[in-house]
Amino acid sequence: MHIAILGATGYSGNVLYNLLSQHPNVETINLYGHEGGKSSRFLDDEVPAFFSAHLSILPFKPKEIMENNDLLFCATPAGVTKDLMEPFISADFPVIDLSGDFRLSNPAVYEKWYHKEAAPANLLEKATYGLAEFPEKKPSKYLANPGCYATATLLGLAPLVINHMIQPDSIIVDAKSGVSGSGKKLSPSSQYNFINENAWLYKINKHQHIPEIMQKLNDWDSHIPAIQFSTTLIPVTRGIMATIYLKPIKEYTNEQLFKCFHQFYDNAPFVRFRENELPTIKDVTGSNFCDIGINYNPITNTIAIVSVIDNLMKGAAGQAIQNFNLLCNFEATSGLPLLPVFP
């Protein structure tokens, strides 16, 4: 296949290009810069690590992109693709969008949480939310790749929520992320002298991934009213750990809880359920895995779920490749590493 990438110079775009360049079903990759965005003449001008891949970054021209490629990946910041995708959606051209612009079905909700103008409602209706382990029954050709925090949280919650085993108003999520989650653009919080040997709790109950989490949770259980959600920046480059606390509707045995997760994930190649062994970020770094462990305290009637991912892989580019494989009926693991980078 001939693949286009819009936004290959950001962190997610870097990883996406890396994965696609090794995908057995990808013949060529063409790179494009979005209008108004900073783009260099060649990829290695901005990413010296890709010195051997001396690829031009071409002007963004929808007609030419569709004529010369079979599918488009968008790895742009929020607020970019909503203004560029109308020609592709109208032509029913396959797009996998890693930005947040088409994840939310309600334009007003997007504008409230992203503080940007939303895409037109008629275009949003054509998009499908692409949580790869839970694909929609009737997916469209425009797949909105989930956010990193949303991926870790939803995969951790799905078995119990879908089986209606929890008290709907009891979900508390304490999520922690590495610095690469904020992207390449320098900010005070991403400077070494701020985040080194530090932890910063930011956007408590205000993070833009909350509404997509709620949107999907309500698809599974409409009785869930809200979640308590905190996000903390920690001094690691890559990784997310979502620690989720909730109350079950009754007392369960460990065996009952384990069985529930095994039913959902034993045949999922990129979710590793580890029962009561709680995973670490290092267990998934550089991989597309989501590792999940649980602990049940019958004294407080509280279930703790630990869900870890690499935010640039399972939380972005890796899941985008998963969605690519699903959309094109390729082997689920094609183009994706089968082991983490360790140590």
C-alpha atoms as a PDB file:
ATOM      1  CA  MET A   1       0.000   0.000   0.000  1.00  0.00           C
ATOM      2  CA  HIS A   2       0.967   3.624  -0.501  1.00  0.00           C
ATOM      3  CA  ILE A   3       0.589   5.540   2.766  1.00  0.00           C
ATOM      4  CA  ALA A   4       0.455   9.268   3.521  1.00  0.00           C
ATOM      5  CA  ILE A   5       1.382  10.818   6.867  1.00  0.00           C
ATOM      6  CA  LEU A   6       0.340  14.332   7.816  1.00  0.00           C
ATOM      7  CA  GLY A   7       2.477  15.565  10.720  1.00  0.00           C
ATOM      8  CA  ALA A   8       5.428  13.160  10.759  1.00  0.00           C
ATOM      9  CA  THR A   9       7.737  15.564  12.626  1.00  0.00           C
ATOM     10  CA  GLY A  10       5.987  15.330  16.021  1.00  0.00           C
ATOM     11  CA  TYR A  11       6.659  12.544  18.516  1.00  0.00           C
ATOM     12  CA  SER A  12       3.617  10.457  17.543  1.00  0.00           C
ATOM     13  CA  GLY A  13       4.377  11.065  13.873  1.00  0.00           C
ATOM     14  CA  ASN A  14       7.993   9.959  14.412  1.00  0.00           C
ATOM     15  CA  VAL A  15       6.886   6.660  15.930  1.00  0.00           C
ATOM     16  CA  LEU A  16       4.200   6.218  13.286  1.00  0.00           C
ATOM     17  CA  TYR A  17       6.718   6.664  10.476  1.00  0.00           C
ATOM     18  CA  ASN A  18       9.084   4.223  12.187  1.00  0.00           C
ATOM     19  CA  LEU A  19       6.378   1.539  12.453  1.00  0.00           C
ATOM     20  CA  LEU A  20       5.052   2.024   8.924  1.00  0.00           C
ATOM     21  CA  SER A  21       8.549   1.873   7.436  1.00  0.00           C
ATOM     22  CA  GLN A  22       8.772  -1.699   8.784  1.00  0.00           C
ATOM     23  CA  HIS A  23       5.200  -2.776   7.994  1.00  0.00           C
ATOM     24  CA  PRO A  24       5.123  -5.722   5.555  1.00  0.00           C
ATOM     25  CA  ASN A  25       2.079  -4.346   3.714  1.00  0.00           C
ATOM     26  CA  VAL A  26       3.410  -0.818   3.186  1.00  0.00           C
ATOM     27  CA  GLU A  27       5.236  -0.166  -0.082  1.00  0.00           C
ATOM     28  CA  THR A  28       5.798   3.598   0.058  1.00  0.00           C
ATOM     29  CA  ILE A  29       5.338   6.413   2.596  1.00  0.00           C
ATOM     30  CA  ASN A  30       4.713  10.017   1.552  1.00  0.00           C
ATOM     31  CA  LEU A  31       5.008  12.833   4.097  1.00  0.00           C
ATOM     32  CA  TYR A  32       2.971  16.038   4.081  1.00  0.00           C
ATOM     33  CA  GLY A  33       3.028  19.295   6.044  1.00  0.00           C
ATOM     34  CA  HIS A  34      -0.260  20.950   7.034  1.00  0.00           C
ATOM     35  CA  GLU A  35      -1.121  24.488   5.998  1.00  0.00           C
ATOM     36  CA  GLY A  36       0.055  27.059   8.512  1.00  0.00           C
ATOM     37  CA  GLY A  37       2.184  24.505  10.303  1.00  0.00           C
ATOM     38  CA  LYS A  38       5.942  24.503  10.480  1.00  0.00           C
ATOM     39  CA  SER A  39       7.415  21.919   8.154  1.00  0.00           C
ATOM     40  CA  SER A  40      10.961  21.428   6.939  1.00  0.00           C
ATOM     41  CA  ARG A  41      12.001  20.433   3.466  1.00  0.00           C
ATOM     42  CA  PHE A  42      13.166  17.021   4.621  1.00  0.00           C
ATOM     43  CA  LEU A  43      12.156  14.853   7.568  1.00  0.00           C
ATOM     44  CA  ASP A  44      15.716  14.548   8.858  1.00  0.00           C
ATOM     45  CA  ASP A  45      16.004  18.337   9.085  1.00  0.00           C
ATOM     46  CA  GLU A  46      13.813  18.140  12.194  1.00  0.00           C
ATOM     47  CA  VAL A  47      14.463  14.525  13.220  1.00  0.00           C
ATOM     48  CA  PRO A  48      18.205  13.820  12.958  1.00  0.00           C
ATOM     49  CA  ALA A  49      17.575  10.235  14.111  1.00  0.00           C
ATOM     50  CA  PHE A  50      15.991   9.647  10.691  1.00  0.00           C
ATOM     51  CA  PHE A  51      19.095  10.843   8.838  1.00  0.00           C
ATOM     52  CA  SER A  52      19.091   7.758   6.613  1.00  0.00           C
ATOM     53  CA  ALA A  53      15.481   8.463   5.583  1.00  0.00           C
ATOM     54  CA  HIS A  54      16.011  11.615   3.550  1.00  0.00           C
ATOM     55  CA  LEU A  55      12.319  12.120   2.708  1.00  0.00           C
ATOM     56  CA  SER A  56      10.750  15.334   1.434  1.00  0.00           C
ATOM     57  CA  ILE A  57       7.819  16.848   3.297  1.00  0.00           C
ATOM     58  CA  LEU A  58       5.355  17.705   0.559  1.00  0.00           C
ATOM     59  CA  PRO A  59       2.705  20.468   0.497  1.00  0.00           C
ATOM     60  CA  PHE A  60      -0.715  19.475   1.752  1.00  0.00           C
ATOM     61  CA  LYS A  61      -2.943  19.088  -1.322  1.00  0.00           C
ATOM     62  CA  PRO A  62      -5.917  16.779  -0.719  1.00  0.00           C
ATOM     63  CA  LYS A  63      -6.490  15.863  -4.368  1.00  0.00           C
ATOM     64  CA  GLU A  64      -2.865  14.870  -4.902  1.00  0.00           C
ATOM     65  CA  ILE A  65      -2.767  12.963  -1.610  1.00  0.00           C
ATOM     66  CA  MET A  66      -5.797  10.893  -2.615  1.00  0.00           C
ATOM     67  CA  GLU A  67      -4.432  10.274  -6.109  1.00  0.00           C
ATOM     68  CA  ASN A  68      -1.041   9.070  -4.883  1.00  0.00           C
ATOM     69  CA  ASN A  69      -1.935   7.189  -1.699  1.00  0.00           C
ATOM     70  CA  ASP A  70      -4.319   4.531  -0.405  1.00  0.00           C
ATOM     71  CA  LEU A  71      -4.734   5.833   3.161  1.00  0.00           C
ATOM     72  CA  LEU A  72      -3.879   8.914   5.229  1.00  0.00           C
ATOM     73  CA  PHE A  73      -2.609   9.019   8.804  1.00  0.00           C
ATOM     74  CA  CYS A  74      -2.947  12.339  10.634  1.00  0.00           C
ATOM     75  CA  ALA A  75      -0.525  12.946  13.503  1.00  0.00           C
ATOM     76  CA  THR A  76      -1.236  16.633  14.070  1.00  0.00           C
ATOM     77  CA  PRO A  77      -2.049  18.679  17.188  1.00  0.00           C
ATOM     78  CA  ALA A  78      -5.692  19.192  18.124  1.00  0.00           C
ATOM     79  CA  GLY A  79      -7.414  21.846  16.059  1.00  0.00           C
ATOM     80  CA  VAL A  80      -5.682  21.049  12.750  1.00  0.00           C
ATOM     81  CA  THR A  81      -7.489  18.148  11.087  1.00  0.00           C
ATOM     82  CA  LYS A  82     -10.976  19.557  11.661  1.00  0.00           C
ATOM     83  CA  ASP A  83     -10.178  22.236   9.060  1.00  0.00           C
ATOM     84  CA  LEU A  84      -8.505  19.905   6.549  1.00  0.00           C
ATOM     85  CA  MET A  85     -10.470  16.673   6.386  1.00  0.00           C
ATOM     86  CA  GLU A  86     -13.675  17.620   4.540  1.00  0.00           C
ATOM     87  CA  PRO A  87     -12.353  16.563   1.077  1.00  0.00           C
ATOM     88  CA  PHE A  88     -11.264  13.173   2.426  1.00  0.00           C
ATOM     89  CA  ILE A  89     -14.512  12.515   4.281  1.00  0.00           C
ATOM     90  CA  SER A  90     -16.599  13.578   1.287  1.00  0.00           C
ATOM     91  CA  ALA A  91     -14.606  11.207  -0.932  1.00  0.00           C
ATOM     92  CA  ASP A  92     -14.873   8.382   1.645  1.00  0.00           C
ATOM     93  CA  PHE A  93     -11.082   8.175   1.601  1.00  0.00           C
ATOM     94  CA  PRO A  94      -9.573   6.109   4.448  1.00  0.00           C
ATOM     95  CA  VAL A  95      -8.144   8.250   7.277  1.00  0.00           C
ATOM     96  CA  ILE A  96      -6.762   7.330  10.699  1.00  0.00           C
ATOM     97  CA  ASP A  97      -6.634  10.488  12.806  1.00  0.00           C
ATOM     98  CA  LEU A  98      -4.437  10.531  15.908  1.00  0.00           C
ATOM     99  CA  SER A  99      -5.630  13.995  16.965  1.00  0.00           C
ATOM    100  CA  GLY A 100      -8.655  14.605  19.179  1.00  0.00           C
ATOM    101  CA  ASP A 101     -10.675  16.506  16.578  1.00  0.00           C
ATOM    102  CA  PHE A 102     -13.072  13.693  15.610  1.00  0.00           C
ATOM    103  CA  ARG A 103     -13.263  11.630  18.795  1.00  0.00           C
ATOM    104  CA  LEU A 104     -16.282  13.400  20.279  1.00  0.00           C
ATOM    105  CA  SER A 105     -19.653  13.162  18.563  1.00  0.00           C
ATOM    106  CA  ASN A 106     -21.017  16.356  20.128  1.00  0.00           C
ATOM    107  CA  PRO A 107     -19.407  19.604  18.832  1.00  0.00           C
ATOM    108  CA  ALA A 108     -20.367  21.509  21.995  1.00  0.00           C
ATOM    109  CA  VAL A 109     -18.538  18.978  24.169  1.00  0.00           C
ATOM    110  CA  TYR A 110     -15.386  19.325  22.038  1.00  0.00           C
ATOM    111  CA  GLU A 111     -15.475  23.115  22.312  1.00  0.00           C
ATOM    112  CA  LYS A 112     -15.962  22.958  26.088  1.00  0.00           C
ATOM    113  CA  TRP A 113     -12.985  20.656  26.696  1.00  0.00           C
ATOM    114  CA  TYR A 114     -10.578  21.625  23.896  1.00  0.00           C
ATOM    115  CA  HIS A 115     -11.375  25.361  23.870  1.00  0.00           C
ATOM    116  CA  LYS A 116     -11.346  25.308  20.061  1.00  0.00           C
ATOM    117  CA  GLU A 117     -13.985  25.446  17.374  1.00  0.00           C
ATOM    118  CA  ALA A 118     -15.286  21.962  16.588  1.00  0.00           C
ATOM    119  CA  ALA A 119     -15.530  20.217  13.242  1.00  0.00           C
ATOM    120  CA  PRO A 120     -18.964  20.486  11.583  1.00  0.00           C
ATOM    121  CA  ALA A 121     -21.507  18.035  12.973  1.00  0.00           C
ATOM    122  CA  ASN A 122     -22.116  16.428   9.573  1.00  0.00           C
ATOM    123  CA  LEU A 123     -18.411  15.496   9.389  1.00  0.00           C
ATOM    124  CA  LEU A 124     -18.271  14.237  12.969  1.00  0.00           C
ATOM    125  CA  GLU A 125     -21.109  11.848  12.131  1.00  0.00           C
ATOM    126  CA  LYS A 126     -18.860  10.148   9.578  1.00  0.00           C
ATOM    127  CA  ALA A 127     -16.123   9.334  12.128  1.00  0.00           C
ATOM    128  CA  THR A 128     -15.769   6.152  14.190  1.00  0.00           C
ATOM    129  CA  TYR A 129     -14.034   5.960  17.576  1.00  0.00           C
ATOM    130  CA  GLY A 130     -11.210   3.457  17.145  1.00  0.00           C
ATOM    131  CA  LEU A 131     -10.567   1.707  20.457  1.00  0.00           C
ATOM    132  CA  ALA A 132      -8.920  -1.250  18.750  1.00  0.00           C
ATOM    133  CA  GLU A 133      -9.918  -3.997  21.226  1.00  0.00           C
ATOM    134  CA  PHE A 134     -13.550  -2.869  21.029  1.00  0.00           C
ATOM    135  CA  PRO A 135     -14.161  -1.996  17.348  1.00  0.00           C
ATOM    136  CA  GLU A 136     -17.515  -0.572  16.321  1.00  0.00           C
ATOM    137  CA  LYS A 137     -19.934  -2.942  14.581  1.00  0.00           C
ATOM    138  CA  LYS A 138     -20.177  -0.609  11.593  1.00  0.00           C
ATOM    139  CA  PRO A 139     -16.869   1.258  11.383  1.00  0.00           C
ATOM    140  CA  SER A 140     -16.469   4.116   8.946  1.00  0.00           C
ATOM    141  CA  LYS A 141     -13.401   4.841   6.837  1.00  0.00           C
ATOM    142  CA  TYR A 142     -12.560   7.752   9.146  1.00  0.00           C
ATOM    143  CA  LEU A 143     -11.139   6.339  12.379  1.00  0.00           C
ATOM    144  CA  ALA A 144     -10.537   8.634  15.346  1.00  0.00           C
ATOM    145  CA  ASN A 145      -7.648   7.084  17.262  1.00  0.00           C
ATOM    146  CA  PRO A 146      -8.262   7.294  21.054  1.00  0.00           C
ATOM    147  CA  GLY A 147      -6.204   9.454  23.383  1.00  0.00           C
ATOM    148  CA  CYS A 148      -3.460   7.932  25.519  1.00  0.00           C
ATOM    149  CA  TYR A 149      -5.118   8.446  28.910  1.00  0.00           C
ATOM    150  CA  ALA A 150      -8.415   7.246  27.444  1.00  0.00           C
ATOM    151  CA  THR A 151      -6.857   4.052  26.097  1.00  0.00           C
ATOM    152  CA  ALA A 152      -5.275   3.029  29.397  1.00  0.00           C
ATOM    153  CA  THR A 153      -8.391   3.920  31.393  1.00  0.00           C
ATOM    154  CA  LEU A 154     -10.978   2.328  29.104  1.00  0.00           C
ATOM    155  CA  LEU A 155      -9.075  -0.937  28.709  1.00  0.00           C
ATOM    156  CA  GLY A 156      -8.715  -1.148  32.470  1.00  0.00           C
ATOM    157  CA  LEU A 157     -12.423  -0.525  33.069  1.00  0.00           C
ATOM    158  CA  ALA A 158     -14.074  -2.303  30.140  1.00  0.00           C
ATOM    159  CA  PRO A 159     -14.598  -5.840  31.512  1.00  0.00           C
ATOM    160  CA  LEU A 160     -16.235  -4.712  34.745  1.00  0.00           C
ATOM    161  CA  VAL A 161     -18.254  -1.871  33.187  1.00  0.00           C
ATOM    162  CA  ILE A 162     -19.590  -3.944  30.291  1.00  0.00           C
ATOM    163  CA  ASN A 163     -20.627  -6.706  32.716  1.00  0.00           C
ATOM    164  CA  HIS A 164     -22.273  -4.118  35.038  1.00  0.00           C
ATOM    165  CA  MET A 165     -20.251  -5.253  38.037  1.00  0.00           C
ATOM    166  CA  ILE A 166     -19.497  -1.821  39.549  1.00  0.00           C
ATOM    167  CA  GLN A 167     -21.303   0.955  41.352  1.00  0.00           C
ATOM    168  CA  PRO A 168     -21.745   3.530  38.550  1.00  0.00           C
ATOM    169  CA  ASP A 169     -20.755   6.567  40.621  1.00  0.00           C
ATOM    170  CA  SER A 170     -17.627   5.068  42.205  1.00  0.00           C
ATOM    171  CA  ILE A 171     -14.913   5.410  39.534  1.00  0.00           C
ATOM    172  CA  ILE A 172     -11.734   7.269  40.556  1.00  0.00           C
ATOM    173  CA  VAL A 173      -8.785   7.401  38.150  1.00  0.00           C
ATOM    174  CA  ASP A 174      -5.298   8.498  39.207  1.00  0.00           C
ATOM    175  CA  ALA A 175      -3.290   8.612  35.960  1.00  0.00           C
ATOM    176  CA  LYS A 176       0.395   9.440  35.534  1.00  0.00           C
ATOM    177  CA  SER A 177       2.198  10.227  32.273  1.00  0.00           C
ATOM    178  CA  GLY A 178       5.694  10.728  30.941  1.00  0.00           C
ATOM    179  CA  VAL A 179       6.826  14.027  29.447  1.00  0.00           C
ATOM    180  CA  SER A 180       6.531  12.981  25.777  1.00  0.00           C
ATOM    181  CA  GLY A 181       2.752  13.050  26.189  1.00  0.00           C
ATOM    182  CA  SER A 182       2.828  16.844  26.004  1.00  0.00           C
ATOM    183  CA  GLY A 183       4.487  16.784  22.579  1.00  0.00           C
ATOM    184  CA  LYS A 184       7.584  18.454  21.172  1.00  0.00           C
ATOM    185  CA  LYS A 185       6.662  22.036  21.922  1.00  0.00           C
ATOM    186  CA  LEU A 186       8.652  23.302  24.890  1.00  0.00           C
ATOM    187  CA  SER A 187       6.703  24.447  27.944  1.00  0.00           C
ATOM    188  CA  PRO A 188       7.739  25.320  31.511  1.00  0.00           C
ATOM    189  CA  SER A 189       6.487  21.951  32.769  1.00  0.00           C
ATOM    190  CA  SER A 190       8.538  19.970  30.232  1.00  0.00           C
ATOM    191  CA  GLN A 191      11.857  21.589  31.075  1.00  0.00           C
ATOM    192  CA  TYR A 192      14.382  19.308  32.759  1.00  0.00           C
ATOM    193  CA  ASN A 193      14.901  21.565  35.767  1.00  0.00           C
ATOM    194  CA  PHE A 194      11.156  21.511  36.502  1.00  0.00           C
ATOM    195  CA  ILE A 195      10.149  17.887  36.022  1.00  0.00           C
ATOM    196  CA  ASN A 196      13.365  16.125  37.075  1.00  0.00           C
ATOM    197  CA  GLU A 197      12.881  14.643  40.580  1.00  0.00           C
ATOM    198  CA  ASN A 198       9.402  16.136  40.584  1.00  0.00           C
ATOM    199  CA  ALA A 199       5.745  15.224  40.020  1.00  0.00           C
ATOM    200  CA  TRP A 200       3.113  17.712  38.877  1.00  0.00           C
ATOM    201  CA  LEU A 201      -0.611  17.150  39.172  1.00  0.00           C
ATOM    202  CA  TYR A 202      -2.255  19.123  36.364  1.00  0.00           C
ATOM    203  CA  LYS A 203      -5.711  19.537  34.780  1.00  0.00           C
ATOM    204  CA  ILE A 204      -7.420  17.678  37.628  1.00  0.00           C
ATOM    205  CA  ASN A 205     -10.922  16.824  36.358  1.00  0.00           C
ATOM    206  CA  LYS A 206     -10.258  19.101  33.359  1.00  0.00           C
ATOM    207  CA  HIS A 207      -8.206  16.936  31.007  1.00  0.00           C
ATOM    208  CA  GLN A 208      -9.524  16.824  27.433  1.00  0.00           C
ATOM    209  CA  HIS A 209      -9.511  13.009  27.385  1.00  0.00           C
ATOM    210  CA  ILE A 210     -12.233  12.858  30.054  1.00  0.00           C
ATOM    211  CA  PRO A 211     -15.186  13.377  27.674  1.00  0.00           C
ATOM    212  CA  GLU A 212     -14.085  10.617  25.309  1.00  0.00           C
ATOM    213  CA  ILE A 213     -13.715   8.278  28.284  1.00  0.00           C
ATOM    214  CA  MET A 214     -17.225   9.187  29.422  1.00  0.00           C
ATOM    215  CA  GLN A 215     -18.603   8.877  25.887  1.00  0.00           C
ATOM    216  CA  LYS A 216     -17.351   5.292  25.627  1.00  0.00           C
ATOM    217  CA  LEU A 217     -18.247   4.342  29.199  1.00  0.00           C
ATOM    218  CA  ASN A 218     -21.813   5.516  28.568  1.00  0.00           C
ATOM    219  CA  ASP A 219     -21.936   3.363  25.444  1.00  0.00           C
ATOM    220  CA  TRP A 220     -21.244   0.420  27.728  1.00  0.00           C
ATOM    221  CA  ASP A 221     -23.307   1.582  30.729  1.00  0.00           C
ATOM    222  CA  SER A 222     -25.528   4.648  30.463  1.00  0.00           C
ATOM    223  CA  HIS A 223     -25.873   4.830  34.257  1.00  0.00           C
ATOM    224  CA  ILE A 224     -22.316   6.066  34.860  1.00  0.00           C
ATOM    225  CA  PRO A 225     -22.784   9.785  35.704  1.00  0.00           C
ATOM    226  CA  ALA A 226     -19.147  10.952  35.901  1.00  0.00           C
ATOM    227  CA  ILE A 227     -15.627   9.952  36.907  1.00  0.00           C
ATOM    228  CA  GLN A 228     -13.076  11.524  39.223  1.00  0.00           C
ATOM    229  CA  PHE A 229      -9.971  11.940  37.042  1.00  0.00           C
ATOM    230  CA  SER A 230      -6.530  13.255  37.948  1.00  0.00           C
ATOM    231  CA  THR A 231      -3.444  13.480  35.725  1.00  0.00           C
ATOM    232  CA  THR A 232       0.121  13.740  37.000  1.00  0.00           C
ATOM    233  CA  LEU A 233       3.270  14.455  34.993  1.00  0.00           C
ATOM    234  CA  ILE A 234       6.214  12.332  36.135  1.00  0.00           C
ATOM    235  CA  PRO A 235       9.918  12.422  35.150  1.00  0.00           C
ATOM    236  CA  VAL A 236       9.944   9.616  32.568  1.00  0.00           C
ATOM    237  CA  THR A 237      10.071  10.001  28.796  1.00  0.00           C
ATOM    238  CA  ARG A 238       7.383   7.514  27.802  1.00  0.00           C
ATOM    239  CA  GLY A 239       4.588   5.711  29.589  1.00  0.00           C
ATOM    240  CA  ILE A 240       1.229   6.004  31.319  1.00  0.00           C
ATOM    241  CA  MET A 241       0.067   4.311  34.496  1.00  0.00           C
ATOM    242  CA  ALA A 242      -3.648   4.584  35.227  1.00  0.00           C
ATOM    243  CA  THR A 243      -4.536   3.446  38.747  1.00  0.00           C
ATOM    244  CA  ILE A 244      -8.305   3.021  38.889  1.00  0.00           C
ATOM    245  CA  TYR A 245     -10.342   2.627  42.065  1.00  0.00           C
ATOM    246  CA  LEU A 246     -13.991   1.561  42.105  1.00  0.00           C
ATOM    247  CA  LYS A 247     -16.644  -0.116  44.193  1.00  0.00           C
ATOM    248  CA  PRO A 248     -18.172  -3.408  43.005  1.00  0.00           C
ATOM    249  CA  ILE A 249     -21.926  -3.920  43.321  1.00  0.00           C
ATOM    250  CA  LYS A 250     -21.279  -6.916  45.586  1.00  0.00           C
ATOM    251  CA  GLU A 251     -18.388  -8.842  47.065  1.00  0.00           C
ATOM    252  CA  TYR A 252     -16.486 -10.870  44.464  1.00  0.00           C
ATOM    253  CA  THR A 253     -13.792 -13.488  44.767  1.00  0.00           C
ATOM    254  CA  ASN A 254     -10.486 -12.950  42.998  1.00  0.00           C
ATOM    255  CA  GLU A 255     -11.335 -15.897  40.777  1.00  0.00           C
ATOM    256  CA  GLN A 256     -14.562 -14.194  39.615  1.00  0.00           C
ATOM    257  CA  LEU A 257     -12.730 -10.977  38.813  1.00  0.00           C
ATOM    258  CA  PHE A 258      -9.904 -12.777  37.032  1.00  0.00           C
ATOM    259  CA  LYS A 259     -12.395 -14.750  34.940  1.00  0.00           C
ATOM    260  CA  CYS A 260     -14.081 -11.542  33.804  1.00  0.00           C
ATOM    261  CA  PHE A 261     -10.822 -10.037  32.518  1.00  0.00           C
ATOM    262  CA  HIS A 262      -9.674 -13.291  30.950  1.00  0.00           C
ATOM    263  CA  GLN A 263     -12.935 -13.553  28.998  1.00  0.00           C
ATOM    264  CA  PHE A 264     -12.283 -10.191  27.380  1.00  0.00           C
ATOM    265  CA  TYR A 265      -8.544 -10.266  26.862  1.00  0.00           C
ATOM    266  CA  ASP A 266      -7.219 -13.806  26.487  1.00  0.00           C
ATOM    267  CA  ASN A 267      -7.597 -13.521  22.712  1.00  0.00           C
ATOM    268  CA  ALA A 268      -6.479  -9.875  22.508  1.00  0.00           C
ATOM    269  CA  PRO A 269      -2.864  -9.910  21.271  1.00  0.00           C
ATOM    270  CA  PHE A 270      -1.960  -6.557  22.811  1.00  0.00           C
ATOM    271  CA  VAL A 271      -3.628  -6.744  26.222  1.00  0.00           C
ATOM    272  CA  ARG A 272      -1.826  -8.815  28.825  1.00  0.00           C
ATOM    273  CA  PHE A 273      -3.931  -9.461  31.931  1.00  0.00           C
ATOM    274  CA  ARG A 274      -1.633 -10.294  34.806  1.00  0.00           C
ATOM    275  CA  GLU A 275      -4.213 -11.049  37.525  1.00  0.00           C
ATOM    276  CA  ASN A 276      -2.960  -9.748  40.891  1.00  0.00           C
ATOM    277  CA  GLU A 277       0.568  -8.993  39.646  1.00  0.00           C
ATOM    278  CA  LEU A 278       0.563  -5.216  39.239  1.00  0.00           C
ATOM    279  CA  PRO A 279       2.487  -4.049  36.142  1.00  0.00           C
ATOM    280  CA  THR A 280       5.021  -1.249  35.804  1.00  0.00           C
ATOM    281  CA  ILE A 281       5.595   1.238  32.991  1.00  0.00           C
ATOM    282  CA  LYS A 282       8.879  -0.464  32.090  1.00  0.00           C
ATOM    283  CA  ASP A 283       6.935  -3.648  31.317  1.00  0.00           C
ATOM    284  CA  VAL A 284       5.424  -2.035  28.197  1.00  0.00           C
ATOM    285  CA  THR A 285       7.934   0.623  27.078  1.00  0.00           C
ATOM    286  CA  GLY A 286       8.461   0.557  23.317  1.00  0.00           C
ATOM    287  CA  SER A 287       5.602  -1.909  22.796  1.00  0.00           C
ATOM    288  CA  ASN A 288       1.931  -1.814  21.860  1.00  0.00           C
ATOM    289  CA  PHE A 289       0.928  -3.742  24.960  1.00  0.00           C
ATOM    290  CA  CYS A 290      -1.491  -2.691  27.644  1.00  0.00           C
ATOM    291  CA  ASP A 291      -0.678  -4.619  30.819  1.00  0.00           C
ATOM    292  CA  ILE A 292      -3.400  -4.835  33.443  1.00  0.00           C
ATOM    293  CA  GLY A 293      -3.349  -6.100  37.025  1.00  0.00           C
ATOM    294  CA  ILE A 294      -6.011  -5.922  39.738  1.00  0.00           C
ATOM    295  CA  ASN A 295      -6.234  -6.005  43.512  1.00  0.00           C
ATOM    296  CA  TYR A 296      -9.455  -6.453  45.473  1.00  0.00           C
ATOM    297  CA  ASN A 297      -9.778  -5.360  49.108  1.00  0.00           C
ATOM    298  CA  PRO A 298     -12.906  -6.994  50.606  1.00  0.00           C
ATOM    299  CA  ILE A 299     -12.522  -4.982  53.827  1.00  0.00           C
ATOM    300  CA  THR A 300     -13.110  -1.667  52.018  1.00  0.00           C
ATOM    301  CA  ASN A 301     -14.990  -3.326  49.131  1.00  0.00           C
ATOM    302  CA  THR A 302     -12.639  -1.569  46.681  1.00  0.00           C
ATOM    303  CA  ILE A 303     -11.128  -2.861  43.459  1.00  0.00           C
ATOM    304  CA  ALA A 304      -7.850  -1.306  42.327  1.00  0.00           C
ATOM    305  CA  ILE A 305      -6.937  -1.734  38.648  1.00  0.00           C
ATOM    306  CA  VAL A 306      -3.488  -0.828  37.325  1.00  0.00           C
ATOM    307  CA  SER A 307      -3.330  -0.296  33.556  1.00  0.00           C
ATOM    308  CA  VAL A 308      -0.024   0.655  31.884  1.00  0.00           C
ATOM    309  CA  ILE A 309       0.808   1.602  28.286  1.00  0.00           C
ATOM    310  CA  ASP A 310       3.501   3.356  26.287  1.00  0.00           C
ATOM    311  CA  ASN A 311       1.752   6.644  25.445  1.00  0.00           C
ATOM    312  CA  LEU A 312       3.477   6.931  22.044  1.00  0.00           C
ATOM    313  CA  MET A 313       2.707   3.317  21.083  1.00  0.00           C
ATOM    314  CA  LYS A 314      -0.547   1.903  22.459  1.00  0.00           C
ATOM    315  CA  GLY A 315      -1.576   5.448  23.327  1.00  0.00           C
ATOM    316  CA  ALA A 316      -0.967   6.803  19.812  1.00  0.00           C
ATOM    317  CA  ALA A 317       0.998   5.357  16.870  1.00  0.00           C
ATOM    318  CA  GLY A 318       0.855   1.688  17.874  1.00  0.00           C
ATOM    319  CA  GLN A 319      -2.915   1.699  18.220  1.00  0.00           C
ATOM    320  CA  ALA A 320      -3.124   3.594  14.921  1.00  0.00           C
ATOM    321  CA  ILE A 321      -1.283   0.689  13.274  1.00  0.00           C
ATOM    322  CA  GLN A 322      -3.683  -1.717  14.992  1.00  0.00           C
ATOM    323  CA  ASN A 323      -6.582   0.219  13.479  1.00  0.00           C
ATOM    324  CA  PHE A 324      -4.818   0.208  10.103  1.00  0.00           C
ATOM    325  CA  ASN A 325      -4.545  -3.580  10.284  1.00  0.00           C
ATOM    326  CA  LEU A 326      -8.212  -3.890  11.260  1.00  0.00           C
ATOM    327  CA  LEU A 327      -9.382  -1.556   8.506  1.00  0.00           C
ATOM    328  CA  CYS A 328      -7.345  -3.335   5.825  1.00  0.00           C
ATOM    329  CA  ASN A 329      -7.875  -6.902   7.125  1.00  0.00           C
ATOM    330  CA  PHE A 330      -4.166  -7.425   7.772  1.00  0.00           C
ATOM    331  CA  GLU A 331      -2.746  -9.649  10.496  1.00  0.00           C
ATOM    332  CA  ALA A 332      -3.465  -7.930  13.838  1.00  0.00           C
ATOM    333  CA  THR A 333       0.198  -7.843  14.833  1.00  0.00           C
ATOM    334  CA  SER A 334       1.618  -6.707  11.462  1.00  0.00           C
ATOM    335  CA  GLY A 335       4.196  -3.949  11.789  1.00  0.00           C
ATOM    336  CA  LEU A 336       4.131  -3.967  15.590  1.00  0.00           C
ATOM    337  CA  PRO A 337       6.887  -5.160  17.949  1.00  0.00           C
ATOM    338  CA  LEU A 338       6.019  -8.265  19.930  1.00  0.00           C
ATOM    339  CA  LEU A 339       8.286  -7.479  22.882  1.00  0.00           C
ATOM    340  CA  PRO A 340       8.857  -4.305  24.938  1.00  0.00           C
ATOM    341  CA  VAL A 341      12.210  -2.529  25.049  1.00  0.00           C
ATOM    342  CA  PHE A 342      13.856  -3.749  28.247  1.00  0.00           C
ATOM    343  CA  PRO A 343      15.820  -2.720  30.192  1.00  0.00           C
END
